[in-house]
Amino acid sequence: MSDILIVDDERDIRELISDILEDEGYTTRLAGTSDEAMNEINAEPPALLVLDIWLKDSRMDGIDILTTVKRDNPDVPVVIISGHGNIEIAVAAIKQGAYDFIEKPFNIEQLLVVIRRAMETSRLRRENQTLRRKEVTAAEMIGNSGAFRALVGQLDKVTKSNGRVMLSGPAGSGKEVAARYIHSNSNRSGAPFVSVNCASIEPERMEEVLFGRESSERGVEPGLLEQAHGGVIYFDEVGDMPLGTQSKILRVLVDQQFQRVGGNDKVRVDIRVISSTNKDLQAAIDSGDFRQELYHRLNVVPISVPSLEERREDIPVLAEHFIETFNAGQGLPLRAISEDAAALLQTMIWPGNVRQLKNLIERVLILGEGTGPIEVRELPRDDGAPTDEGRVILSGGVATLPLREAREAFEREYLLTQINRFGGNISRTASFVGMERSALHRKLKSLGVVTTAKSGARVAHIEEADEIT
């Protein structure tokens, strides 16, 4: 998309403009009627459209074509050609989204200045789209655990469809990365991925942000729905969307069109919708905070994104990935992770999930000790303080128990942690803790620790029994 489409009902004028532009190194296409123009645009959108306002013997005039192009191809700049008596109409066209206008008879230098600026605008928009696509591609799915493989298997099943997907999972678990994975592996991967953080936008501004605005002073300001045309719009934490906006989004999903705030024209969009939530939307429906009809429209394919606790095996490889990312993006040291530090990371509590792990790795790289492997002493305890090397920090409950009960409590918690760390794999756990597999089974039974299947992994917990204290 690097050519210029010239639309004028006067053959001499369109050929003159074409000759001037081709002398400057541009490639041009010509159209004399609105039908010819729309056929050219639909076949391949141009980098720039030079458009006459009045088109004799045509089904549409220049304003109609401008409106259609700004609706279906909003990134294509439009330069209006206007006769002397049509200045007011040309100014109105600017408010409808035209880049600029040139008055007939035009000055060649003036024409070239406007064309060069408009083509630069077109180039910058294409580069921006390319960068967005690279950003989406860079949102990699990282992991090897059973829970992770099960998630990717579900995502792969929906990439090639156009079905709406609802991603559920705790905050920081990687729901947006999963949404970007769907987009980058779909037939919409070359089109925009637009993320809407429903929790951060003020309720009174939500409709303007989504639908855009029209005003006589500022013209047309496209909203996020228009920006996502042809691609994916991602409603992050959709449970926080205001009720009034919910009903209008429901109408968009049904009709695939909407009106801008302050406008009268219908704007058609072709978008795929992916949503996410960390809330119980059914409870929100029961309390009247979420519309049931919208829930059913969005929840066509529900997919659960596991917490980091459910995929502890992935923690070392995720940490290594973040180290490489911070090295490439910020120039932070490219450090390895010692075996002991990796083991400790797998036993830590992660209420903030993958996002918390990423933040911790960044902090360690910024405040860390040189460029050697990351050691245990550099990792914070759960309270944020550095880990005390060679010393076990007892919780208040364990510290007050007699030795035998404290030992049992420690063994139970230690083995629970190691089993979960290795995804319920008893053989790997036994090898790590230095026990025979049969001895580990006996020890687990004596401590009341059992393993159950969950999210493609084996998760340990304490069996309810009277003799377990």
Protein backbone atom coordinates (compact mmCIF):
# COMPACT_ATOMS: atom_id res chain seq x y z
CA MET A 1 0.00 0.00 0.00
CA SER A 2 2.20 2.81 -1.26
CA ASP A 3 0.29 4.38 -4.16
CA ILE A 4 -1.99 7.41 -4.52
CA LEU A 5 -5.56 7.14 -5.83
CA ILE A 6 -6.72 10.26 -7.71
CA VAL A 7 -10.51 10.65 -8.06
CA ASP A 8 -11.82 13.46 -10.31
CA ASP A 9 -14.55 13.52 -12.93
CA GLU A 10 -12.40 15.71 -15.20
CA ARG A 11 -9.96 13.53 -17.08
CA ASP A 12 -7.50 16.36 -17.79
CA ILE A 13 -7.21 17.24 -14.09
CA ARG A 14 -6.71 13.69 -12.79
CA GLU A 15 -4.11 12.99 -15.51
CA LEU A 16 -2.33 16.28 -14.79
CA ILE A 17 -2.12 15.48 -11.07
CA SER A 18 -0.95 11.97 -11.92
CA ASP A 19 1.83 13.25 -14.20
CA ILE A 20 3.04 15.72 -11.56
CA LEU A 21 3.11 13.06 -8.83
CA GLU A 22 4.74 10.39 -10.99
CA ASP A 23 7.48 12.90 -11.90
CA GLU A 24 8.10 13.08 -8.13
CA GLY A 25 8.43 9.29 -7.91
CA TYR A 26 4.94 8.39 -6.67
CA THR A 27 2.78 5.59 -8.10
CA THR A 28 -0.79 6.57 -8.99
CA ARG A 29 -4.15 5.07 -9.83
CA LEU A 30 -7.01 7.00 -11.47
CA ALA A 31 -10.81 6.95 -11.11
CA GLY A 32 -13.42 9.16 -12.78
CA THR A 33 -16.58 8.04 -10.94
CA SER A 34 -17.52 7.02 -7.43
CA ASP A 35 -18.03 3.38 -8.48
CA GLU A 36 -14.57 3.25 -10.05
CA ALA A 37 -13.12 4.86 -6.90
CA MET A 38 -14.81 2.39 -4.52
CA ASN A 39 -13.75 -0.56 -6.67
CA GLU A 40 -10.12 0.61 -6.48
CA ILE A 41 -10.31 1.21 -2.73
CA ASN A 42 -11.95 -2.15 -2.03
CA ALA A 43 -9.41 -3.97 -4.23
CA GLU A 44 -6.46 -2.40 -2.36
CA PRO A 45 -6.65 0.62 -0.04
CA PRO A 46 -4.24 3.32 -1.27
CA ALA A 47 -1.64 5.07 0.82
CA LEU A 48 -3.39 8.38 0.03
CA LEU A 49 -6.64 9.46 -1.61
CA VAL A 50 -6.86 12.71 -3.64
CA LEU A 51 -10.59 13.32 -3.96
CA ASP A 52 -12.73 15.87 -5.83
CA ILE A 53 -15.86 17.01 -3.94
CA TRP A 54 -18.14 17.10 -7.00
CA LEU A 55 -18.30 14.00 -9.20
CA LYS A 56 -20.67 14.32 -12.18
CA ASP A 57 -22.75 11.32 -13.19
CA SER A 58 -21.76 9.43 -10.03
CA ARG A 59 -23.82 7.60 -7.45
CA MET A 60 -21.82 9.17 -4.57
CA ASP A 61 -20.21 12.58 -4.20
CA GLY A 62 -16.84 13.25 -2.59
CA ILE A 63 -18.30 13.67 0.90
CA ASP A 64 -20.03 10.29 0.64
CA ILE A 65 -16.78 8.64 -0.43
CA LEU A 66 -14.89 10.42 2.38
CA THR A 67 -17.41 9.19 4.96
CA THR A 68 -17.15 5.61 3.68
CA VAL A 69 -13.33 5.65 3.58
CA LYS A 70 -13.05 7.09 7.09
CA ARG A 71 -15.44 4.40 8.31
CA ASP A 72 -13.86 1.39 6.60
CA ASN A 73 -10.24 2.54 6.14
CA PRO A 74 -9.68 5.23 8.78
CA ASP A 75 -5.88 5.20 8.37
CA VAL A 76 -6.00 6.35 4.72
CA PRO A 77 -5.41 10.16 4.55
CA VAL A 78 -7.82 11.99 2.21
CA VAL A 79 -6.88 15.26 0.45
CA ILE A 80 -9.94 17.09 -0.89
CA ILE A 81 -9.86 19.03 -4.20
CA SER A 82 -12.26 21.95 -4.01
CA GLY A 83 -13.49 24.54 -6.51
CA HIS A 84 -13.56 28.21 -5.45
CA GLY A 85 -17.25 28.11 -4.52
CA ASN A 86 -16.94 25.03 -2.34
CA ILE A 87 -14.62 26.27 0.42
CA GLU A 88 -17.26 25.89 3.14
CA ILE A 89 -17.91 22.32 2.03
CA ALA A 90 -14.17 21.63 2.01
CA VAL A 91 -13.85 22.94 5.57
CA ALA A 92 -16.75 20.70 6.57
CA ALA A 93 -14.87 17.79 4.97
CA ILE A 94 -11.88 18.53 7.21
CA LYS A 95 -14.18 18.13 10.19
CA GLN A 96 -15.35 14.81 8.77
CA GLY A 97 -11.78 13.52 8.83
CA ALA A 98 -10.15 14.81 5.61
CA TYR A 99 -6.41 15.51 5.96
CA ASP A 100 -6.43 18.82 4.01
CA PHE A 101 -7.95 20.50 0.94
CA ILE A 102 -6.52 22.10 -2.20
CA GLU A 103 -8.43 24.82 -4.02
CA LYS A 104 -8.79 24.78 -7.81
CA PRO A 105 -6.98 26.04 -9.78
CA PHE A 106 -4.16 24.66 -7.66
CA ASN A 107 -0.54 25.71 -7.38
CA ILE A 108 1.81 22.80 -8.14
CA GLU A 109 4.17 23.59 -5.25
CA GLN A 110 1.26 23.83 -2.85
CA LEU A 111 -0.08 20.51 -4.16
CA LEU A 112 3.27 18.79 -3.62
CA VAL A 113 3.68 20.18 -0.09
CA VAL A 114 0.27 18.85 0.94
CA ILE A 115 0.89 15.48 -0.77
CA ARG A 116 4.30 15.04 0.88
CA ARG A 117 2.88 15.77 4.33
CA ALA A 118 -0.07 13.46 3.80
CA MET A 119 2.18 10.65 2.55
CA GLU A 120 4.41 11.09 5.59
CA THR A 121 1.31 10.76 7.78
CA SER A 122 0.41 7.58 5.88
CA ARG A 123 3.92 6.20 6.33
CA LEU A 124 3.91 6.86 10.07
CA ARG A 125 0.54 5.16 10.44
CA ARG A 126 1.81 2.07 8.60
CA GLU A 127 4.91 1.98 10.79
CA ASN A 128 2.75 2.27 13.88
CA GLN A 129 0.67 -0.70 12.72
CA THR A 130 3.85 -2.68 12.05
CA LEU A 131 5.13 -1.92 15.56
CA ARG A 132 1.80 -3.00 17.02
CA ARG A 133 2.02 -6.29 15.14
CA LYS A 134 5.58 -6.82 16.44
CA GLU A 135 4.37 -6.10 19.97
CA VAL A 136 1.66 -8.72 19.60
CA THR A 137 4.11 -11.26 18.20
CA ALA A 138 6.46 -10.57 21.11
CA ALA A 139 3.75 -11.55 23.62
CA GLU A 140 5.04 -15.12 23.83
CA MET A 141 3.48 -17.97 25.76
CA ILE A 142 6.20 -19.41 28.01
CA GLY A 143 5.98 -22.68 29.96
CA ASN A 144 6.14 -26.48 29.97
CA SER A 145 3.88 -27.52 32.85
CA GLY A 146 0.77 -29.63 32.40
CA ALA A 147 -1.49 -26.71 33.32
CA PHE A 148 0.27 -24.49 30.78
CA ARG A 149 0.08 -27.08 27.99
CA ALA A 150 -3.63 -27.56 28.68
CA LEU A 151 -4.16 -23.77 28.38
CA VAL A 152 -2.27 -23.52 25.07
CA GLY A 153 -4.24 -26.48 23.74
CA GLN A 154 -7.49 -24.63 24.44
CA LEU A 155 -6.18 -21.38 22.94
CA ASP A 156 -5.06 -23.14 19.76
CA LYS A 157 -8.59 -24.45 19.24
CA VAL A 158 -10.07 -20.93 19.08
CA THR A 159 -7.39 -19.04 17.13
CA LYS A 160 -8.83 -19.71 13.66
CA SER A 161 -12.46 -19.10 14.57
CA ASN A 162 -14.20 -15.77 15.08
CA GLY A 163 -15.89 -16.88 18.29
CA ARG A 164 -15.92 -14.63 21.33
CA VAL A 165 -13.65 -15.82 24.14
CA MET A 166 -13.92 -15.12 27.87
CA LEU A 167 -10.63 -15.57 29.76
CA SER A 168 -10.99 -16.01 33.51
CA GLY A 169 -8.21 -16.17 36.08
CA PRO A 170 -6.59 -14.26 38.94
CA ALA A 171 -4.97 -10.86 38.43
CA GLY A 172 -1.50 -11.06 36.92
CA SER A 173 -1.89 -14.61 35.60
CA GLY A 174 -1.35 -13.62 31.96
CA LYS A 175 -4.85 -13.21 30.54
CA GLU A 176 -3.81 -10.42 28.16
CA VAL A 177 -0.85 -12.48 26.93
CA ALA A 178 -3.32 -15.29 26.19
CA ALA A 179 -5.57 -12.85 24.31
CA ARG A 180 -2.61 -11.59 22.25
CA TYR A 181 -1.65 -15.21 21.51
CA ILE A 182 -5.12 -15.82 20.06
CA HIS A 183 -4.84 -12.68 17.93
CA SER A 184 -1.29 -13.29 16.65
CA ASN A 185 -2.17 -16.83 15.57
CA SER A 186 -5.46 -15.90 13.90
CA ASN A 187 -6.30 -14.66 10.40
CA ARG A 188 -6.64 -11.18 11.95
CA SER A 189 -2.98 -11.05 13.01
CA GLY A 190 -2.19 -8.30 10.47
CA ALA A 191 -4.97 -6.07 11.88
CA PRO A 192 -5.00 -4.08 15.15
CA PHE A 193 -5.18 -5.53 18.66
CA VAL A 194 -6.80 -2.87 20.84
CA SER A 195 -6.89 -3.33 24.62
CA VAL A 196 -9.55 -1.63 26.75
CA ASN A 197 -8.81 -1.54 30.48
CA CYS A 198 -12.36 -1.36 31.80
CA ALA A 199 -11.16 -0.81 35.38
CA SER A 200 -9.01 2.25 34.64
CA ILE A 201 -11.36 4.30 32.44
CA GLU A 202 -13.66 6.69 34.30
CA PRO A 203 -17.30 5.54 33.89
CA GLU A 204 -18.45 8.91 32.54
CA ARG A 205 -15.77 8.73 29.78
CA MET A 206 -16.21 5.07 28.82
CA GLU A 207 -18.65 5.64 25.93
CA GLU A 208 -16.56 8.44 24.41
CA VAL A 209 -13.42 6.28 24.66
CA LEU A 210 -15.12 3.29 23.02
CA PHE A 211 -17.40 4.93 20.45
CA GLY A 212 -15.50 8.14 19.67
CA ARG A 213 -16.92 11.65 19.40
CA GLU A 214 -18.20 14.06 16.76
CA SER A 215 -18.33 17.81 17.29
CA SER A 216 -18.40 20.92 15.13
CA GLU A 217 -15.25 22.23 16.81
CA ARG A 218 -13.04 19.13 16.68
CA GLY A 219 -14.62 17.07 13.91
CA VAL A 220 -14.52 13.26 14.09
CA GLU A 221 -12.46 11.60 16.82
CA PRO A 222 -12.51 7.80 16.33
CA GLY A 223 -12.94 5.64 19.42
CA LEU A 224 -11.28 2.34 20.30
CA LEU A 225 -13.94 0.28 18.51
CA GLU A 226 -13.14 2.04 15.21
CA GLN A 227 -9.42 1.67 15.83
CA ALA A 228 -9.93 -2.10 16.22
CA HIS A 229 -11.80 -2.40 12.90
CA GLY A 230 -10.77 -5.61 11.13
CA GLY A 231 -8.91 -6.87 14.20
CA VAL A 232 -9.49 -7.70 17.87
CA ILE A 233 -10.79 -5.62 20.74
CA TYR A 234 -9.86 -6.94 24.17
CA PHE A 235 -12.03 -5.95 27.16
CA ASP A 236 -9.67 -6.35 30.13
CA GLU A 237 -11.57 -6.89 33.41
CA VAL A 238 -14.92 -6.56 31.67
CA GLY A 239 -16.68 -6.98 35.02
CA ASP A 240 -15.76 -3.35 35.78
CA MET A 241 -17.56 -1.98 32.71
CA PRO A 242 -20.35 0.50 33.69
CA LEU A 243 -23.90 -0.85 33.37
CA GLY A 244 -24.95 1.84 30.91
CA THR A 245 -22.04 1.01 28.62
CA GLN A 246 -22.79 -2.71 28.90
CA SER A 247 -26.17 -2.31 27.20
CA LYS A 248 -24.60 -0.31 24.33
CA ILE A 249 -21.79 -2.84 23.87
CA LEU A 250 -24.46 -5.55 23.74
CA ARG A 251 -26.12 -3.65 20.87
CA VAL A 252 -22.76 -3.36 19.06
CA LEU A 253 -22.28 -7.13 19.33
CA VAL A 254 -25.72 -7.71 17.85
CA ASP A 255 -25.65 -5.07 15.07
CA GLN A 256 -21.88 -4.66 14.45
CA GLN A 257 -22.49 -0.90 14.29
CA PHE A 258 -22.84 2.10 16.62
CA GLN A 259 -23.04 5.89 16.76
CA ARG A 260 -20.27 8.16 17.97
CA VAL A 261 -21.03 10.40 20.92
CA GLY A 262 -22.60 13.56 19.44
CA GLY A 263 -22.99 11.97 16.01
CA ASN A 264 -25.91 10.69 13.94
CA ASP A 265 -24.25 8.41 11.39
CA LYS A 266 -23.99 4.67 11.94
CA VAL A 267 -20.42 3.37 12.05
CA ARG A 268 -19.97 -0.25 10.96
CA VAL A 269 -17.15 -2.33 12.44
CA ASP A 270 -15.79 -5.81 11.87
CA ILE A 271 -14.17 -6.88 15.14
CA ARG A 272 -13.52 -10.00 17.16
CA VAL A 273 -14.16 -9.60 20.89
CA ILE A 274 -12.03 -11.22 23.61
CA SER A 275 -12.81 -10.45 27.26
CA SER A 276 -11.22 -11.26 30.59
CA THR A 277 -12.22 -11.15 34.23
CA ASN A 278 -10.91 -12.06 37.67
CA LYS A 279 -14.40 -11.68 39.16
CA ASP A 280 -17.28 -14.08 39.60
CA LEU A 281 -19.50 -12.65 36.87
CA GLN A 282 -22.39 -14.89 37.82
CA ALA A 283 -22.40 -13.28 41.29
CA ALA A 284 -22.23 -9.85 39.59
CA ILE A 285 -25.27 -10.82 37.50
CA ASP A 286 -27.16 -11.91 40.63
CA SER A 287 -26.36 -8.57 42.32
CA GLY A 288 -27.44 -6.59 39.25
CA ASP A 289 -23.94 -5.28 38.44
CA PHE A 290 -23.54 -7.16 35.15
CA ARG A 291 -26.03 -7.79 32.36
CA GLN A 292 -26.82 -11.45 31.85
CA GLU A 293 -27.42 -10.98 28.08
CA LEU A 294 -23.96 -9.46 27.68
CA TYR A 295 -22.40 -12.27 29.69
CA HIS A 296 -23.90 -14.88 27.38
CA ARG A 297 -22.73 -12.93 24.30
CA LEU A 298 -19.16 -12.66 25.59
CA ASN A 299 -18.86 -16.09 27.22
CA VAL A 300 -19.21 -18.15 24.03
CA VAL A 301 -15.89 -19.95 24.67
CA PRO A 302 -14.83 -19.79 28.34
CA ILE A 303 -11.13 -20.48 29.01
CA SER A 304 -9.54 -20.56 32.45
CA VAL A 305 -6.00 -19.15 32.80
CA PRO A 306 -4.15 -20.93 35.65
CA SER A 307 -2.50 -19.09 38.50
CA LEU A 308 1.27 -19.26 38.93
CA GLU A 309 0.72 -21.59 41.90
CA GLU A 310 -0.87 -24.10 39.52
CA ARG A 311 2.17 -24.00 37.22
CA ARG A 312 5.16 -23.77 39.60
CA GLU A 313 7.24 -25.89 37.20
CA ASP A 314 7.22 -22.92 34.80
CA ILE A 315 8.72 -20.43 37.27
CA PRO A 316 12.43 -20.96 36.33
CA VAL A 317 11.79 -20.74 32.59
CA LEU A 318 9.57 -17.66 33.07
CA ALA A 319 12.26 -16.03 35.20
CA GLU A 320 14.89 -16.70 32.50
CA HIS A 321 12.56 -15.25 29.88
CA PHE A 322 12.08 -12.06 31.90
CA ILE A 323 15.84 -11.73 32.41
CA GLU A 324 16.35 -11.90 28.63
CA THR A 325 13.51 -9.41 28.07
CA PHE A 326 14.93 -6.86 30.54
CA ASN A 327 18.39 -7.30 29.06
CA ALA A 328 17.13 -6.61 25.53
CA GLY A 329 14.77 -3.79 26.49
CA GLN A 330 16.56 -2.01 29.33
CA GLY A 331 20.13 -3.22 29.14
CA LEU A 332 19.93 -4.89 32.56
CA PRO A 333 22.50 -7.68 33.25
CA LEU A 334 21.93 -10.99 31.47
CA ARG A 335 22.26 -13.22 34.53
CA ALA A 336 21.67 -16.91 35.09
CA ILE A 337 19.68 -18.23 38.08
CA SER A 338 21.41 -20.53 40.54
CA GLU A 339 19.78 -23.88 41.22
CA ASP A 340 19.04 -22.94 44.84
CA ALA A 341 17.50 -19.60 43.81
CA ALA A 342 15.30 -21.33 41.22
CA ALA A 343 14.16 -23.81 43.86
CA LEU A 344 13.31 -21.00 46.28
CA LEU A 345 11.34 -19.12 43.62
CA GLN A 346 9.25 -22.25 43.10
CA THR A 347 8.39 -22.44 46.80
CA MET A 348 7.43 -18.79 47.29
CA ILE A 349 3.86 -17.51 47.51
CA TRP A 350 2.74 -15.57 44.41
CA PRO A 351 -0.52 -13.68 45.02
CA GLY A 352 0.37 -11.39 42.09
CA ASN A 353 1.12 -14.39 39.85
CA VAL A 354 3.26 -13.96 36.69
CA ARG A 355 3.17 -10.16 36.96
CA GLN A 356 4.62 -10.35 40.49
CA LEU A 357 7.38 -12.71 39.31
CA LYS A 358 8.26 -10.32 36.48
CA ASN A 359 8.44 -7.36 38.88
CA LEU A 360 10.62 -9.34 41.30
CA ILE A 361 13.08 -10.29 38.55
CA GLU A 362 13.32 -6.65 37.43
CA ARG A 363 14.02 -5.54 41.01
CA VAL A 364 16.72 -8.18 41.49
CA LEU A 365 18.43 -7.19 38.23
CA ILE A 366 18.39 -3.50 39.17
CA LEU A 367 19.56 -3.95 42.76
CA GLY A 368 21.50 -7.19 42.30
CA GLU A 369 25.11 -8.12 42.87
CA GLY A 370 27.08 -8.01 39.63
CA THR A 371 26.56 -10.20 36.59
CA GLY A 372 26.98 -13.69 38.06
CA PRO A 373 24.14 -16.11 38.75
CA ILE A 374 21.29 -14.82 40.92
CA GLU A 375 21.71 -16.32 44.41
CA VAL A 376 19.24 -17.08 47.19
CA ARG A 377 20.45 -14.16 49.30
CA GLU A 378 19.27 -11.71 46.61
CA LEU A 379 15.68 -12.92 46.68
CA PRO A 380 13.19 -11.27 49.05
CA ARG A 381 11.18 -13.17 51.64
CA ASP A 382 7.40 -13.00 51.44
CA ASP A 383 7.51 -9.82 53.55
CA GLY A 384 9.81 -8.14 51.04
CA ALA A 385 13.02 -8.37 53.10
CA PRO A 386 16.10 -10.17 51.71
CA THR A 387 16.40 -13.88 52.52
CA ASP A 388 18.66 -14.65 55.51
CA GLU A 389 21.25 -17.10 54.21
CA GLY A 390 21.68 -20.19 56.40
CA ARG A 391 18.74 -19.38 58.68
CA VAL A 392 15.15 -20.62 58.65
CA ILE A 393 12.56 -17.99 59.59
CA LEU A 394 9.87 -19.71 61.67
CA SER A 395 6.27 -18.59 61.57
CA GLY A 396 4.67 -17.64 64.87
CA GLY A 397 2.55 -20.81 64.93
CA VAL A 398 5.45 -23.24 64.38
CA ALA A 399 7.72 -21.38 66.79
CA THR A 400 5.33 -22.06 69.70
CA LEU A 401 4.89 -25.82 69.07
CA PRO A 402 6.72 -28.64 70.89
CA LEU A 403 9.59 -30.13 68.87
CA ARG A 404 7.74 -33.25 67.63
CA GLU A 405 4.71 -31.28 66.43
CA ALA A 406 6.90 -28.54 64.94
CA ARG A 407 8.90 -31.19 63.06
CA GLU A 408 5.72 -32.73 61.65
CA ALA A 409 4.36 -29.31 60.68
CA PHE A 410 7.63 -28.44 58.97
CA GLU A 411 7.82 -31.78 57.12
CA ARG A 412 4.21 -31.48 56.01
CA GLU A 413 4.64 -27.94 54.69
CA TYR A 414 8.01 -28.76 53.11
CA LEU A 415 6.70 -31.80 51.28
CA LEU A 416 3.51 -30.00 50.23
CA THR A 417 5.67 -27.27 48.73
CA GLN A 418 8.00 -29.67 46.91
CA ILE A 419 5.16 -31.79 45.48
CA ASN A 420 3.41 -28.69 44.16
CA ARG A 421 6.71 -27.37 42.87
CA PHE A 422 7.16 -30.50 40.74
CA GLY A 423 3.54 -30.52 39.56
CA GLY A 424 2.64 -33.56 41.69
CA ASN A 425 5.40 -35.75 40.20
CA ILE A 426 6.25 -38.07 43.10
CA SER A 427 9.36 -39.52 41.44
CA ARG A 428 10.92 -36.10 40.86
CA THR A 429 9.95 -34.97 44.37
CA ALA A 430 11.50 -38.08 45.92
CA SER A 431 14.71 -37.57 43.95
CA PHE A 432 14.96 -33.92 45.03
CA VAL A 433 14.30 -34.50 48.74
CA GLY A 434 16.63 -37.55 48.80
CA MET A 435 14.10 -40.26 49.62
CA GLU A 436 13.04 -43.53 48.01
CA ARG A 437 9.69 -43.21 46.26
CA SER A 438 8.07 -45.85 48.53
CA ALA A 439 9.46 -44.11 51.64
CA LEU A 440 8.07 -40.79 50.43
CA HIS A 441 4.64 -42.37 49.93
CA ARG A 442 4.72 -43.71 53.50
CA LYS A 443 5.83 -40.35 54.87
CA LEU A 444 3.06 -38.51 52.98
CA LYS A 445 0.47 -40.95 54.28
CA SER A 446 1.67 -40.54 57.87
CA LEU A 447 1.46 -36.75 57.53
CA GLY A 448 -2.00 -36.86 55.92
CA VAL A 449 -0.78 -35.41 52.60
CA VAL A 450 -2.69 -36.61 49.52
CA THR A 451 -2.43 -35.62 45.84
CA THR A 452 -5.40 -34.79 43.60
CA ALA A 453 -5.68 -33.89 39.90
CA LYS A 454 -6.18 -30.20 39.07
CA SER A 455 -5.66 -28.26 35.84
CA GLY A 456 -3.52 -30.93 34.23
CA ALA A 457 -1.20 -31.25 37.29
CA ARG A 458 -1.18 -33.06 40.62
CA VAL A 459 -1.82 -30.76 43.57
CA ALA A 460 -1.07 -31.76 47.15
CA HIS A 461 -3.24 -30.97 50.15
CA ILE A 462 -3.81 -32.12 53.72
CA GLU A 463 -6.34 -34.90 54.22
CA GLU A 464 -9.01 -34.15 56.80
CA ALA A 465 -8.42 -36.56 59.67
CA ASP A 466 -8.86 -36.39 63.43
CA GLU A 467 -5.29 -37.51 64.15
CA ILE A 468 -3.75 -34.72 62.02
CA THR A 469 -3.05 -31.62 64.08
